[in-house]
N, C-alpha and C. Protein backbone atom coordinates (compact mmCIF):
# COMPACT_ATOMS: atom_id res chain seq x y z
N UNK A 1 21.00 -1.88 -2.57
CA UNK A 1 19.99 -2.47 -1.72
C UNK A 1 19.06 -3.32 -2.58
N UNK A 2 18.80 -4.52 -2.15
CA UNK A 2 17.94 -5.43 -2.88
C UNK A 2 16.69 -5.71 -2.06
N UNK A 3 15.55 -5.54 -2.67
CA UNK A 3 14.28 -5.81 -2.00
C UNK A 3 13.48 -6.78 -2.85
N UNK A 4 13.08 -7.89 -2.23
CA UNK A 4 12.28 -8.85 -2.96
C UNK A 4 10.88 -8.32 -3.22
N UNK A 5 10.29 -8.79 -4.30
CA UNK A 5 8.92 -8.40 -4.63
C UNK A 5 8.01 -9.54 -4.21
N UNK A 6 6.96 -9.18 -3.49
CA UNK A 6 5.98 -10.15 -3.02
C UNK A 6 4.63 -9.84 -3.63
N UNK A 7 3.99 -10.87 -4.15
CA UNK A 7 2.65 -10.73 -4.72
C UNK A 7 1.64 -11.19 -3.68
N UNK A 8 0.65 -10.35 -3.40
CA UNK A 8 -0.39 -10.69 -2.43
C UNK A 8 -1.75 -10.46 -3.05
N UNK A 9 -2.71 -11.25 -2.60
CA UNK A 9 -4.09 -11.07 -3.05
C UNK A 9 -4.82 -10.20 -2.05
N UNK A 10 -5.60 -9.26 -2.57
CA UNK A 10 -6.44 -8.41 -1.74
C UNK A 10 -7.83 -8.36 -2.36
N UNK A 11 -8.82 -8.15 -1.51
CA UNK A 11 -10.19 -8.03 -1.96
C UNK A 11 -10.54 -6.55 -2.04
N UNK A 12 -10.93 -6.10 -3.22
CA UNK A 12 -11.30 -4.70 -3.43
C UNK A 12 -12.69 -4.69 -4.07
N UNK A 13 -13.62 -4.06 -3.39
CA UNK A 13 -15.00 -3.94 -3.89
C UNK A 13 -15.56 -5.29 -4.30
N UNK A 14 -15.29 -6.31 -3.49
CA UNK A 14 -15.83 -7.63 -3.75
C UNK A 14 -15.09 -8.46 -4.78
N UNK A 15 -13.99 -7.93 -5.30
CA UNK A 15 -13.20 -8.65 -6.30
C UNK A 15 -11.78 -8.87 -5.78
N UNK A 16 -11.28 -10.09 -5.96
CA UNK A 16 -9.92 -10.40 -5.55
C UNK A 16 -8.96 -9.97 -6.66
N UNK A 17 -7.91 -9.29 -6.26
CA UNK A 17 -6.88 -8.86 -7.22
C UNK A 17 -5.51 -9.08 -6.59
N UNK A 18 -4.51 -9.21 -7.42
CA UNK A 18 -3.15 -9.40 -6.94
C UNK A 18 -2.38 -8.10 -7.05
N UNK A 19 -1.56 -7.85 -6.04
CA UNK A 19 -0.72 -6.65 -6.01
C UNK A 19 0.71 -7.10 -5.76
N UNK A 20 1.63 -6.65 -6.58
CA UNK A 20 3.05 -6.96 -6.42
C UNK A 20 3.78 -5.71 -5.94
N UNK A 21 4.42 -5.83 -4.78
CA UNK A 21 5.18 -4.72 -4.20
C UNK A 21 6.46 -5.25 -3.58
N UNK A 22 7.46 -4.39 -3.51
CA UNK A 22 8.68 -4.72 -2.79
C UNK A 22 8.35 -4.86 -1.31
N UNK A 23 9.06 -5.76 -0.63
CA UNK A 23 8.79 -6.04 0.78
C UNK A 23 8.77 -4.80 1.68
N UNK A 24 9.67 -3.83 1.50
CA UNK A 24 9.60 -2.63 2.35
C UNK A 24 8.30 -1.84 2.18
N UNK A 25 7.71 -1.86 0.98
CA UNK A 25 6.44 -1.18 0.78
C UNK A 25 5.31 -1.91 1.50
N UNK A 26 5.33 -3.25 1.49
CA UNK A 26 4.32 -4.00 2.25
C UNK A 26 4.46 -3.70 3.74
N UNK A 27 5.68 -3.65 4.23
CA UNK A 27 5.90 -3.36 5.66
C UNK A 27 5.40 -1.97 6.01
N UNK A 28 5.70 -0.99 5.17
CA UNK A 28 5.25 0.38 5.43
C UNK A 28 3.73 0.47 5.35
N UNK A 29 3.14 -0.24 4.41
CA UNK A 29 1.68 -0.23 4.28
C UNK A 29 1.03 -0.80 5.54
N UNK A 30 1.61 -1.87 6.10
CA UNK A 30 1.10 -2.43 7.36
C UNK A 30 1.20 -1.42 8.49
N UNK A 31 2.32 -0.71 8.57
CA UNK A 31 2.50 0.32 9.61
C UNK A 31 1.47 1.43 9.48
N UNK A 32 1.26 1.90 8.27
CA UNK A 32 0.30 2.98 8.04
C UNK A 32 -1.11 2.51 8.40
N UNK A 33 -1.47 1.32 7.95
CA UNK A 33 -2.81 0.79 8.25
C UNK A 33 -3.01 0.67 9.76
N UNK A 34 -2.01 0.15 10.46
CA UNK A 34 -2.11 0.01 11.92
C UNK A 34 -2.25 1.37 12.59
N UNK A 35 -1.49 2.35 12.13
CA UNK A 35 -1.56 3.70 12.70
C UNK A 35 -2.92 4.33 12.47
N UNK A 36 -3.58 3.95 11.38
CA UNK A 36 -4.90 4.49 11.06
C UNK A 36 -6.03 3.63 11.61
N UNK A 37 -5.67 2.53 12.26
CA UNK A 37 -6.67 1.65 12.85
C UNK A 37 -7.51 0.89 11.84
N UNK A 38 -6.90 0.53 10.72
CA UNK A 38 -7.63 -0.23 9.71
C UNK A 38 -6.77 -1.35 9.17
N UNK A 39 -7.39 -2.24 8.44
CA UNK A 39 -6.66 -3.35 7.84
C UNK A 39 -5.93 -2.87 6.60
N UNK A 40 -4.93 -3.65 6.20
CA UNK A 40 -4.22 -3.35 4.96
C UNK A 40 -5.20 -3.41 3.79
N UNK A 41 -6.08 -4.38 3.81
CA UNK A 41 -7.07 -4.52 2.74
C UNK A 41 -7.95 -3.27 2.63
N UNK A 42 -8.40 -2.74 3.76
CA UNK A 42 -9.23 -1.52 3.74
C UNK A 42 -8.43 -0.34 3.22
N UNK A 43 -7.17 -0.24 3.63
CA UNK A 43 -6.32 0.86 3.17
C UNK A 43 -6.09 0.76 1.67
N UNK A 44 -5.80 -0.44 1.18
CA UNK A 44 -5.61 -0.63 -0.26
C UNK A 44 -6.89 -0.29 -1.01
N UNK A 45 -8.04 -0.62 -0.43
CA UNK A 45 -9.31 -0.27 -1.05
C UNK A 45 -9.49 1.23 -1.19
N UNK A 46 -9.08 1.98 -0.17
CA UNK A 46 -9.21 3.44 -0.25
C UNK A 46 -8.21 4.03 -1.24
N UNK A 47 -7.01 3.45 -1.31
CA UNK A 47 -6.03 3.89 -2.31
C UNK A 47 -6.57 3.61 -3.71
N UNK A 48 -7.15 2.43 -3.89
CA UNK A 48 -7.72 2.05 -5.18
C UNK A 48 -8.83 3.01 -5.61
N UNK A 49 -9.66 3.41 -4.67
CA UNK A 49 -10.79 4.29 -4.98
C UNK A 49 -10.32 5.66 -5.49
N UNK A 50 -9.14 6.09 -5.07
CA UNK A 50 -8.67 7.41 -5.46
C UNK A 50 -7.58 7.43 -6.51
N UNK A 51 -7.28 6.29 -7.11
CA UNK A 51 -6.10 6.22 -7.99
C UNK A 51 -6.35 6.64 -9.43
N UNK A 52 -7.57 6.71 -9.86
CA UNK A 52 -7.83 7.05 -11.26
C UNK A 52 -7.28 6.00 -12.19
N UNK A 53 -6.55 6.42 -13.23
CA UNK A 53 -6.02 5.50 -14.24
C UNK A 53 -4.67 4.91 -13.85
N UNK A 54 -4.13 5.33 -12.72
CA UNK A 54 -2.80 4.87 -12.28
C UNK A 54 -2.84 3.39 -11.91
N UNK A 55 -1.78 2.67 -12.23
CA UNK A 55 -1.61 1.29 -11.83
C UNK A 55 -1.70 1.19 -10.30
N UNK A 56 -2.38 0.15 -9.78
CA UNK A 56 -2.58 0.04 -8.33
C UNK A 56 -1.27 -0.07 -7.57
N UNK A 57 -0.34 -0.88 -8.04
CA UNK A 57 0.95 -1.00 -7.35
C UNK A 57 1.67 0.35 -7.30
N UNK A 58 1.64 1.08 -8.39
CA UNK A 58 2.26 2.41 -8.42
C UNK A 58 1.55 3.36 -7.47
N UNK A 59 0.22 3.30 -7.44
CA UNK A 59 -0.54 4.17 -6.55
C UNK A 59 -0.20 3.89 -5.09
N UNK A 60 0.00 2.62 -4.75
CA UNK A 60 0.37 2.27 -3.38
C UNK A 60 1.75 2.80 -3.05
N UNK A 61 2.70 2.66 -3.97
CA UNK A 61 4.05 3.17 -3.73
C UNK A 61 4.04 4.68 -3.51
N UNK A 62 3.29 5.40 -4.33
CA UNK A 62 3.20 6.86 -4.19
C UNK A 62 2.53 7.21 -2.86
N UNK A 63 1.49 6.47 -2.47
CA UNK A 63 0.82 6.69 -1.20
C UNK A 63 1.80 6.53 -0.04
N UNK A 64 2.58 5.44 -0.07
CA UNK A 64 3.56 5.19 1.00
C UNK A 64 4.61 6.29 1.03
N UNK A 65 5.11 6.69 -0.13
CA UNK A 65 6.11 7.76 -0.20
C UNK A 65 5.54 9.05 0.39
N UNK A 66 4.31 9.39 0.01
CA UNK A 66 3.67 10.59 0.56
C UNK A 66 3.51 10.49 2.08
N UNK A 67 3.17 9.29 2.57
CA UNK A 67 3.01 9.10 4.01
C UNK A 67 4.34 9.29 4.74
N UNK A 68 5.41 8.77 4.16
CA UNK A 68 6.74 8.94 4.77
C UNK A 68 7.13 10.42 4.77
N UNK A 69 6.93 11.06 3.64
CA UNK A 69 7.27 12.49 3.54
C UNK A 69 6.42 13.33 4.49
N UNK A 70 5.18 12.91 4.70
CA UNK A 70 4.28 13.65 5.58
C UNK A 70 4.44 13.32 7.04
N UNK A 71 5.32 12.38 7.35
CA UNK A 71 5.59 12.03 8.74
C UNK A 71 4.67 10.98 9.34
N UNK A 72 3.84 10.33 8.50
CA UNK A 72 2.92 9.31 9.01
C UNK A 72 3.69 8.10 9.55
N UNK A 73 4.83 7.81 8.95
CA UNK A 73 5.72 6.77 9.45
C UNK A 73 7.15 7.29 9.38
N UNK A 74 7.99 6.88 10.30
CA UNK A 74 9.36 7.38 10.29
C UNK A 74 10.17 6.80 9.14
N UNK A 75 11.05 7.61 8.58
CA UNK A 75 11.96 7.13 7.54
C UNK A 75 13.01 6.24 8.20
N UNK A 76 13.40 5.18 7.49
CA UNK A 76 14.43 4.28 8.02
C UNK A 76 15.65 4.31 7.15
């Protein structure tokens, strides 16, 4: 399976930063944000606030994986 990587800019705490993720992770992040009634940018901000020293892209991937495992979005 091949998934393209897409780089997107997001605003976190008033600073613009770029995040590179595989397309399925961006899609899952949009689903999770919609289910929680918030924007992707707000969700990424909350992930960023809790990530500690972990790379932001890695923290997002782990967050999405945990959400799938926890049933927040259906596995495909």
